[in-house]
Amino acid sequence: MIDLRRLHVLRAVAHYGTVTAAARALHFTPSAASQQIRQLARDLGVDLLEPQGRGVRLTPAAESLLAHADAIEARWAEAELDLRAGQGTPAGPLHVTGFPVAVSVLLAPMAARLRERHPRLSVRIREAGVPESFDLLFEG
């Protein structure tokens, strides 16, 4: 069985481009991140990273693994939506992030309307620049 935590480290390497950057984003040491990927590779019996200059790149097996993981994640999200659709109104936390102009023009009015229509929904808005927004999206 694939360890999802190790898969998350591999996805971070794919996103950030280096083991060091991925480790920093995940609050790991580079050594710990590398160890997680090596163990995932051993578990699956395939190479996941190969050297490229001073860094690494994903092997075709790693890219295939992440494509399958993305498909599984999309199906899981679809299942959650189906299950929640039967419960009536939306509830729980909703985190949105936007650029400064978008927060004031789009997100603040949206949050106000959502609070009126769905009182059980808790909307949290965060202002962030482009790189930080993508990092937040990656982190879920």
N, C-alpha and C. Protein backbone atom coordinates (compact mmCIF):
# COMPACT_ATOMS: atom_id res chain seq x y z
N MET A 1 0.84 -1.18 0.00
CA MET A 1 0.00 0.00 0.00
C MET A 1 0.89 1.25 0.00
N ILE A 2 0.48 2.24 -0.71
CA ILE A 2 1.26 3.48 -0.83
C ILE A 2 1.01 4.35 0.40
N ASP A 3 2.09 4.81 1.00
CA ASP A 3 2.01 5.71 2.15
C ASP A 3 1.74 7.11 1.61
N LEU A 4 0.57 7.65 1.94
CA LEU A 4 0.17 8.95 1.40
C LEU A 4 1.06 10.09 1.86
N ARG A 5 1.65 9.96 3.04
CA ARG A 5 2.56 11.01 3.52
C ARG A 5 3.80 11.06 2.64
N ARG A 6 4.30 9.90 2.25
CA ARG A 6 5.47 9.87 1.37
C ARG A 6 5.11 10.38 -0.02
N LEU A 7 3.93 10.06 -0.47
CA LEU A 7 3.46 10.55 -1.76
C LEU A 7 3.36 12.08 -1.73
N HIS A 8 2.94 12.62 -0.60
CA HIS A 8 2.85 14.08 -0.44
C HIS A 8 4.23 14.72 -0.58
N VAL A 9 5.26 14.08 -0.07
CA VAL A 9 6.63 14.60 -0.20
C VAL A 9 7.04 14.58 -1.68
N LEU A 10 6.74 13.51 -2.37
CA LEU A 10 7.06 13.43 -3.80
C LEU A 10 6.33 14.51 -4.57
N ARG A 11 5.06 14.74 -4.24
CA ARG A 11 4.29 15.79 -4.91
C ARG A 11 4.92 17.16 -4.65
N ALA A 12 5.43 17.36 -3.45
CA ALA A 12 6.08 18.63 -3.12
C ALA A 12 7.35 18.82 -3.95
N VAL A 13 8.12 17.75 -4.14
CA VAL A 13 9.32 17.84 -4.98
C VAL A 13 8.92 18.20 -6.41
N ALA A 14 7.86 17.59 -6.91
CA ALA A 14 7.39 17.90 -8.25
C ALA A 14 6.97 19.37 -8.34
N HIS A 15 6.32 19.87 -7.31
CA HIS A 15 5.83 21.25 -7.30
C HIS A 15 6.95 22.27 -7.15
N TYR A 16 7.83 22.04 -6.19
CA TYR A 16 8.87 23.02 -5.88
C TYR A 16 10.16 22.84 -6.68
N GLY A 17 10.35 21.67 -7.28
CA GLY A 17 11.49 21.49 -8.16
C GLY A 17 12.75 20.92 -7.54
N THR A 18 12.88 21.01 -6.23
CA THR A 18 14.05 20.44 -5.54
C THR A 18 13.60 19.80 -4.23
N VAL A 19 14.40 18.87 -3.77
CA VAL A 19 14.11 18.22 -2.49
C VAL A 19 14.24 19.25 -1.37
N THR A 20 15.23 20.11 -1.46
CA THR A 20 15.45 21.12 -0.42
C THR A 20 14.26 22.06 -0.30
N ALA A 21 13.76 22.56 -1.43
CA ALA A 21 12.62 23.48 -1.40
C ALA A 21 11.36 22.77 -0.90
N ALA A 22 11.18 21.53 -1.34
CA ALA A 22 10.02 20.75 -0.88
C ALA A 22 10.10 20.53 0.62
N ALA A 23 11.28 20.17 1.09
CA ALA A 23 11.47 19.93 2.53
C ALA A 23 11.16 21.21 3.32
N ARG A 24 11.64 22.33 2.83
CA ARG A 24 11.38 23.60 3.51
C ARG A 24 9.88 23.87 3.59
N ALA A 25 9.17 23.65 2.48
CA ALA A 25 7.72 23.90 2.46
C ALA A 25 6.96 22.97 3.39
N LEU A 26 7.47 21.76 3.54
CA LEU A 26 6.79 20.77 4.38
C LEU A 26 7.30 20.77 5.82
N HIS A 27 8.26 21.64 6.12
CA HIS A 27 8.86 21.73 7.45
C HIS A 27 9.60 20.44 7.81
N PHE A 28 10.31 19.88 6.81
CA PHE A 28 11.17 18.71 6.99
C PHE A 28 12.60 19.17 6.80
N THR A 29 13.52 18.33 7.20
CA THR A 29 14.91 18.54 6.78
C THR A 29 15.04 17.92 5.39
N PRO A 30 15.98 18.39 4.58
CA PRO A 30 16.18 17.77 3.27
C PRO A 30 16.46 16.27 3.39
N SER A 31 17.21 15.90 4.41
CA SER A 31 17.51 14.49 4.63
C SER A 31 16.25 13.68 4.89
N ALA A 32 15.35 14.20 5.70
CA ALA A 32 14.11 13.49 6.01
C ALA A 32 13.23 13.38 4.77
N ALA A 33 13.17 14.44 3.97
CA ALA A 33 12.37 14.40 2.74
C ALA A 33 12.94 13.37 1.77
N SER A 34 14.26 13.36 1.62
CA SER A 34 14.90 12.38 0.75
C SER A 34 14.64 10.96 1.22
N GLN A 35 14.70 10.77 2.52
CA GLN A 35 14.46 9.45 3.09
C GLN A 35 13.03 8.98 2.79
N GLN A 36 12.07 9.88 2.90
CA GLN A 36 10.68 9.53 2.61
C GLN A 36 10.51 9.09 1.15
N ILE A 37 11.16 9.79 0.25
CA ILE A 37 11.06 9.44 -1.17
C ILE A 37 11.78 8.13 -1.46
N ARG A 38 12.94 7.94 -0.85
CA ARG A 38 13.66 6.67 -1.04
C ARG A 38 12.83 5.49 -0.54
N GLN A 39 12.17 5.66 0.60
CA GLN A 39 11.35 4.58 1.13
C GLN A 39 10.15 4.31 0.22
N LEU A 40 9.53 5.35 -0.30
CA LEU A 40 8.42 5.17 -1.23
C LEU A 40 8.89 4.42 -2.48
N ALA A 41 10.07 4.78 -2.97
CA ALA A 41 10.63 4.09 -4.14
C ALA A 41 10.87 2.62 -3.83
N ARG A 42 11.41 2.34 -2.64
CA ARG A 42 11.63 0.94 -2.24
C ARG A 42 10.31 0.18 -2.13
N ASP A 43 9.32 0.81 -1.52
CA ASP A 43 8.01 0.18 -1.36
C ASP A 43 7.40 -0.20 -2.72
N LEU A 44 7.61 0.66 -3.71
CA LEU A 44 7.01 0.44 -5.03
C LEU A 44 7.93 -0.33 -5.97
N GLY A 45 9.21 -0.41 -5.64
CA GLY A 45 10.15 -1.12 -6.49
C GLY A 45 10.51 -0.39 -7.77
N VAL A 46 10.46 0.95 -7.74
CA VAL A 46 10.81 1.76 -8.91
C VAL A 46 11.64 2.95 -8.47
N ASP A 47 12.41 3.51 -9.40
CA ASP A 47 13.11 4.76 -9.13
C ASP A 47 12.14 5.91 -9.34
N LEU A 48 12.14 6.87 -8.42
CA LEU A 48 11.22 7.99 -8.52
C LEU A 48 11.93 9.29 -8.89
N LEU A 49 13.21 9.41 -8.52
CA LEU A 49 13.98 10.60 -8.83
C LEU A 49 15.26 10.20 -9.52
N GLU A 50 15.73 11.07 -10.40
CA GLU A 50 17.03 10.85 -11.01
C GLU A 50 17.79 12.17 -10.99
N PRO A 51 19.11 12.09 -10.86
CA PRO A 51 19.91 13.30 -10.79
C PRO A 51 19.80 14.11 -12.09
N GLN A 52 19.79 15.42 -11.91
CA GLN A 52 19.82 16.34 -13.05
C GLN A 52 20.60 17.56 -12.62
N GLY A 53 21.85 17.62 -13.03
CA GLY A 53 22.72 18.70 -12.57
C GLY A 53 22.90 18.59 -11.07
N ARG A 54 22.65 19.70 -10.39
CA ARG A 54 22.75 19.69 -8.92
C ARG A 54 21.44 19.29 -8.26
N GLY A 55 20.40 19.18 -9.07
CA GLY A 55 19.09 18.83 -8.52
C GLY A 55 18.65 17.44 -8.94
N VAL A 56 17.35 17.26 -8.95
CA VAL A 56 16.76 15.99 -9.34
C VAL A 56 15.56 16.27 -10.25
N ARG A 57 15.16 15.23 -10.94
CA ARG A 57 13.92 15.33 -11.71
C ARG A 57 13.14 14.04 -11.50
N LEU A 58 11.85 14.12 -11.71
CA LEU A 58 11.00 12.96 -11.54
C LEU A 58 11.21 12.00 -12.71
N THR A 59 11.22 10.73 -12.40
CA THR A 59 11.29 9.71 -13.43
C THR A 59 9.91 9.57 -14.07
N PRO A 60 9.83 8.90 -15.21
CA PRO A 60 8.51 8.63 -15.79
C PRO A 60 7.61 7.86 -14.81
N ALA A 61 8.19 6.97 -14.03
CA ALA A 61 7.39 6.23 -13.04
C ALA A 61 6.80 7.18 -12.00
N ALA A 62 7.57 8.15 -11.56
CA ALA A 62 7.08 9.12 -10.57
C ALA A 62 5.97 9.97 -11.17
N GLU A 63 6.15 10.39 -12.42
CA GLU A 63 5.12 11.20 -13.07
C GLU A 63 3.83 10.40 -13.24
N SER A 64 3.96 9.13 -13.58
CA SER A 64 2.79 8.27 -13.71
C SER A 64 2.11 8.09 -12.36
N LEU A 65 2.89 7.87 -11.32
CA LEU A 65 2.34 7.71 -9.97
C LEU A 65 1.56 8.95 -9.56
N LEU A 66 2.10 10.14 -9.81
CA LEU A 66 1.41 11.36 -9.43
C LEU A 66 0.15 11.57 -10.27
N ALA A 67 0.18 11.17 -11.53
CA ALA A 67 -1.03 11.28 -12.36
C ALA A 67 -2.13 10.39 -11.81
N HIS A 68 -1.77 9.17 -11.42
CA HIS A 68 -2.76 8.28 -10.81
C HIS A 68 -3.26 8.84 -9.48
N ALA A 69 -2.35 9.39 -8.69
CA ALA A 69 -2.74 9.97 -7.40
C ALA A 69 -3.69 11.15 -7.61
N ASP A 70 -3.44 11.97 -8.63
CA ASP A 70 -4.34 13.09 -8.93
C ASP A 70 -5.72 12.60 -9.30
N ALA A 71 -5.79 11.54 -10.10
CA ALA A 71 -7.08 10.98 -10.50
C ALA A 71 -7.83 10.43 -9.29
N ILE A 72 -7.11 9.75 -8.41
CA ILE A 72 -7.73 9.20 -7.20
C ILE A 72 -8.23 10.33 -6.31
N GLU A 73 -7.42 11.36 -6.16
CA GLU A 73 -7.81 12.51 -5.33
C GLU A 73 -9.05 13.20 -5.90
N ALA A 74 -9.12 13.34 -7.22
CA ALA A 74 -10.29 13.96 -7.84
C ALA A 74 -11.54 13.12 -7.60
N ARG A 75 -11.42 11.82 -7.70
CA ARG A 75 -12.57 10.94 -7.44
C ARG A 75 -12.99 11.02 -5.97
N TRP A 76 -12.01 11.10 -5.07
CA TRP A 76 -12.33 11.21 -3.65
C TRP A 76 -13.09 12.51 -3.37
N ALA A 77 -12.64 13.61 -3.97
CA ALA A 77 -13.32 14.89 -3.80
C ALA A 77 -14.74 14.81 -4.35
N GLU A 78 -14.90 14.14 -5.47
CA GLU A 78 -16.23 13.95 -6.05
C GLU A 78 -17.13 13.15 -5.11
N ALA A 79 -16.57 12.12 -4.50
CA ALA A 79 -17.34 11.31 -3.55
C ALA A 79 -17.76 12.15 -2.35
N GLU A 80 -16.85 12.96 -1.85
CA GLU A 80 -17.19 13.83 -0.71
C GLU A 80 -18.32 14.79 -1.08
N LEU A 81 -18.25 15.37 -2.28
CA LEU A 81 -19.30 16.28 -2.72
C LEU A 81 -20.64 15.57 -2.81
N ASP A 82 -20.63 14.36 -3.36
CA ASP A 82 -21.86 13.59 -3.45
C ASP A 82 -22.45 13.32 -2.07
N LEU A 83 -21.60 12.96 -1.12
CA LEU A 83 -22.08 12.66 0.23
C LEU A 83 -22.63 13.91 0.91
N ARG A 84 -21.96 15.01 0.73
CA ARG A 84 -22.40 16.26 1.37
C ARG A 84 -23.63 16.85 0.71
N ALA A 85 -23.83 16.55 -0.57
CA ALA A 85 -24.98 17.10 -1.28
C ALA A 85 -26.29 16.65 -0.63
N GLY A 86 -26.30 15.48 -0.07
CA GLY A 86 -27.50 14.97 0.57
C GLY A 86 -27.77 15.56 1.95
N GLN A 87 -26.83 16.33 2.47
CA GLN A 87 -26.98 16.88 3.82
C GLN A 87 -27.66 18.24 3.85
N GLY A 88 -27.98 18.78 2.70
CA GLY A 88 -28.65 20.08 2.69
C GLY A 88 -27.69 21.22 2.46
N THR A 89 -27.63 22.13 3.41
CA THR A 89 -26.85 23.35 3.21
C THR A 89 -25.38 23.13 3.52
N PRO A 90 -24.51 23.92 2.87
CA PRO A 90 -23.07 23.82 3.15
C PRO A 90 -22.76 24.20 4.59
N ALA A 91 -21.77 23.52 5.14
CA ALA A 91 -21.35 23.80 6.52
C ALA A 91 -19.85 23.55 6.63
N GLY A 92 -19.24 24.15 7.63
CA GLY A 92 -17.83 23.93 7.88
C GLY A 92 -16.97 25.07 7.38
N PRO A 93 -15.66 24.89 7.46
CA PRO A 93 -14.75 25.97 7.06
C PRO A 93 -14.56 26.05 5.54
N LEU A 94 -14.45 27.26 5.04
CA LEU A 94 -14.11 27.53 3.65
C LEU A 94 -13.00 28.56 3.67
N HIS A 95 -11.82 28.18 3.21
CA HIS A 95 -10.66 29.07 3.19
C HIS A 95 -10.45 29.56 1.76
N VAL A 96 -10.40 30.87 1.58
CA VAL A 96 -10.14 31.45 0.26
C VAL A 96 -8.98 32.42 0.37
N THR A 97 -8.21 32.48 -0.68
CA THR A 97 -7.04 33.36 -0.73
C THR A 97 -7.10 34.16 -2.01
N GLY A 98 -6.69 35.41 -1.93
CA GLY A 98 -6.69 36.23 -3.13
C GLY A 98 -5.67 37.35 -3.04
N PHE A 99 -5.48 37.96 -4.18
CA PHE A 99 -4.58 39.10 -4.27
C PHE A 99 -5.29 40.30 -3.66
N PRO A 100 -4.57 41.35 -3.26
CA PRO A 100 -5.20 42.47 -2.55
C PRO A 100 -6.44 43.04 -3.23
N VAL A 101 -6.39 43.25 -4.53
CA VAL A 101 -7.55 43.82 -5.22
C VAL A 101 -8.71 42.83 -5.20
N ALA A 102 -8.43 41.57 -5.43
CA ALA A 102 -9.49 40.56 -5.45
C ALA A 102 -10.16 40.42 -4.09
N VAL A 103 -9.39 40.56 -3.02
CA VAL A 103 -9.98 40.44 -1.68
C VAL A 103 -11.05 41.50 -1.48
N SER A 104 -10.73 42.74 -1.79
CA SER A 104 -11.69 43.81 -1.53
C SER A 104 -12.83 43.84 -2.54
N VAL A 105 -12.56 43.53 -3.80
CA VAL A 105 -13.58 43.64 -4.83
C VAL A 105 -14.44 42.38 -4.94
N LEU A 106 -13.83 41.21 -4.80
CA LEU A 106 -14.56 39.97 -5.04
C LEU A 106 -14.81 39.13 -3.78
N LEU A 107 -13.75 38.87 -3.03
CA LEU A 107 -13.86 37.90 -1.95
C LEU A 107 -14.65 38.40 -0.74
N ALA A 108 -14.46 39.64 -0.34
CA ALA A 108 -15.20 40.16 0.81
C ALA A 108 -16.71 40.16 0.55
N PRO A 109 -17.18 40.67 -0.61
CA PRO A 109 -18.63 40.59 -0.87
C PRO A 109 -19.13 39.15 -0.96
N MET A 110 -18.32 38.26 -1.56
CA MET A 110 -18.70 36.85 -1.65
C MET A 110 -18.86 36.25 -0.26
N ALA A 111 -17.92 36.54 0.63
CA ALA A 111 -17.98 36.01 1.98
C ALA A 111 -19.23 36.51 2.71
N ALA A 112 -19.56 37.77 2.52
CA ALA A 112 -20.76 38.32 3.17
C ALA A 112 -22.02 37.62 2.68
N ARG A 113 -22.12 37.41 1.37
CA ARG A 113 -23.30 36.72 0.83
C ARG A 113 -23.37 35.27 1.31
N LEU A 114 -22.22 34.60 1.35
CA LEU A 114 -22.21 33.22 1.82
C LEU A 114 -22.62 33.12 3.29
N ARG A 115 -22.18 34.06 4.11
CA ARG A 115 -22.55 34.04 5.53
C ARG A 115 -24.05 34.23 5.71
N GLU A 116 -24.65 35.09 4.86
CA GLU A 116 -26.11 35.31 4.94
C GLU A 116 -26.87 34.06 4.52
N ARG A 117 -26.44 33.45 3.42
CA ARG A 117 -27.17 32.31 2.85
C ARG A 117 -26.90 30.99 3.57
N HIS A 118 -25.69 30.85 4.11
CA HIS A 118 -25.29 29.59 4.74
C HIS A 118 -24.63 29.87 6.09
N PRO A 119 -25.40 30.09 7.12
CA PRO A 119 -24.84 30.47 8.42
C PRO A 119 -23.91 29.41 9.03
N ARG A 120 -24.04 28.15 8.61
CA ARG A 120 -23.16 27.11 9.15
C ARG A 120 -21.82 27.05 8.43
N LEU A 121 -21.66 27.88 7.41
CA LEU A 121 -20.40 27.94 6.67
C LEU A 121 -19.51 29.03 7.27
N SER A 122 -18.27 28.69 7.56
CA SER A 122 -17.33 29.63 8.15
C SER A 122 -16.30 30.03 7.08
N VAL A 123 -16.39 31.27 6.60
CA VAL A 123 -15.52 31.73 5.52
C VAL A 123 -14.34 32.49 6.12
N ARG A 124 -13.13 32.07 5.72
CA ARG A 124 -11.89 32.73 6.15
C ARG A 124 -11.18 33.24 4.90
N ILE A 125 -10.86 34.53 4.89
CA ILE A 125 -10.19 35.14 3.74
C ILE A 125 -8.76 35.47 4.12
N ARG A 126 -7.84 35.18 3.21
CA ARG A 126 -6.44 35.49 3.43
C ARG A 126 -5.90 36.21 2.20
N GLU A 127 -5.23 37.31 2.43
CA GLU A 127 -4.61 38.06 1.35
C GLU A 127 -3.19 37.56 1.15
N ALA A 128 -2.85 37.27 -0.11
CA ALA A 128 -1.51 36.74 -0.40
C ALA A 128 -1.12 37.09 -1.83
N GLY A 129 0.18 37.12 -2.06
CA GLY A 129 0.71 37.34 -3.39
C GLY A 129 0.68 36.05 -4.20
N VAL A 130 1.10 36.15 -5.44
CA VAL A 130 1.04 35.00 -6.35
C VAL A 130 1.80 33.78 -5.83
N PRO A 131 3.09 33.90 -5.49
CA PRO A 131 3.81 32.68 -5.06
C PRO A 131 3.19 32.06 -3.80
N GLU A 132 2.83 32.90 -2.85
CA GLU A 132 2.25 32.36 -1.60
C GLU A 132 0.89 31.72 -1.87
N SER A 133 0.10 32.30 -2.78
CA SER A 133 -1.20 31.71 -3.12
C SER A 133 -1.05 30.32 -3.68
N PHE A 134 -0.06 30.14 -4.55
CA PHE A 134 0.15 28.80 -5.12
C PHE A 134 0.65 27.83 -4.05
N ASP A 135 1.49 28.31 -3.15
CA ASP A 135 1.94 27.45 -2.05
C ASP A 135 0.76 27.02 -1.19
N LEU A 136 -0.14 27.96 -0.87
CA LEU A 136 -1.31 27.65 -0.05
C LEU A 136 -2.22 26.66 -0.78
N LEU A 137 -2.38 26.86 -2.07
CA LEU A 137 -3.21 25.93 -2.86
C LEU A 137 -2.60 24.54 -2.83
N PHE A 138 -1.31 24.47 -2.99
CA PHE A 138 -0.62 23.17 -2.96
C PHE A 138 -0.80 22.50 -1.61
N GLU A 139 -0.73 23.28 -0.55
CA GLU A 139 -0.84 22.72 0.80
C GLU A 139 -2.27 22.35 1.17
N GLY A 140 -3.22 22.73 0.33
CA GLY A 140 -4.62 22.37 0.58
C GLY A 140 -5.35 23.39 1.40
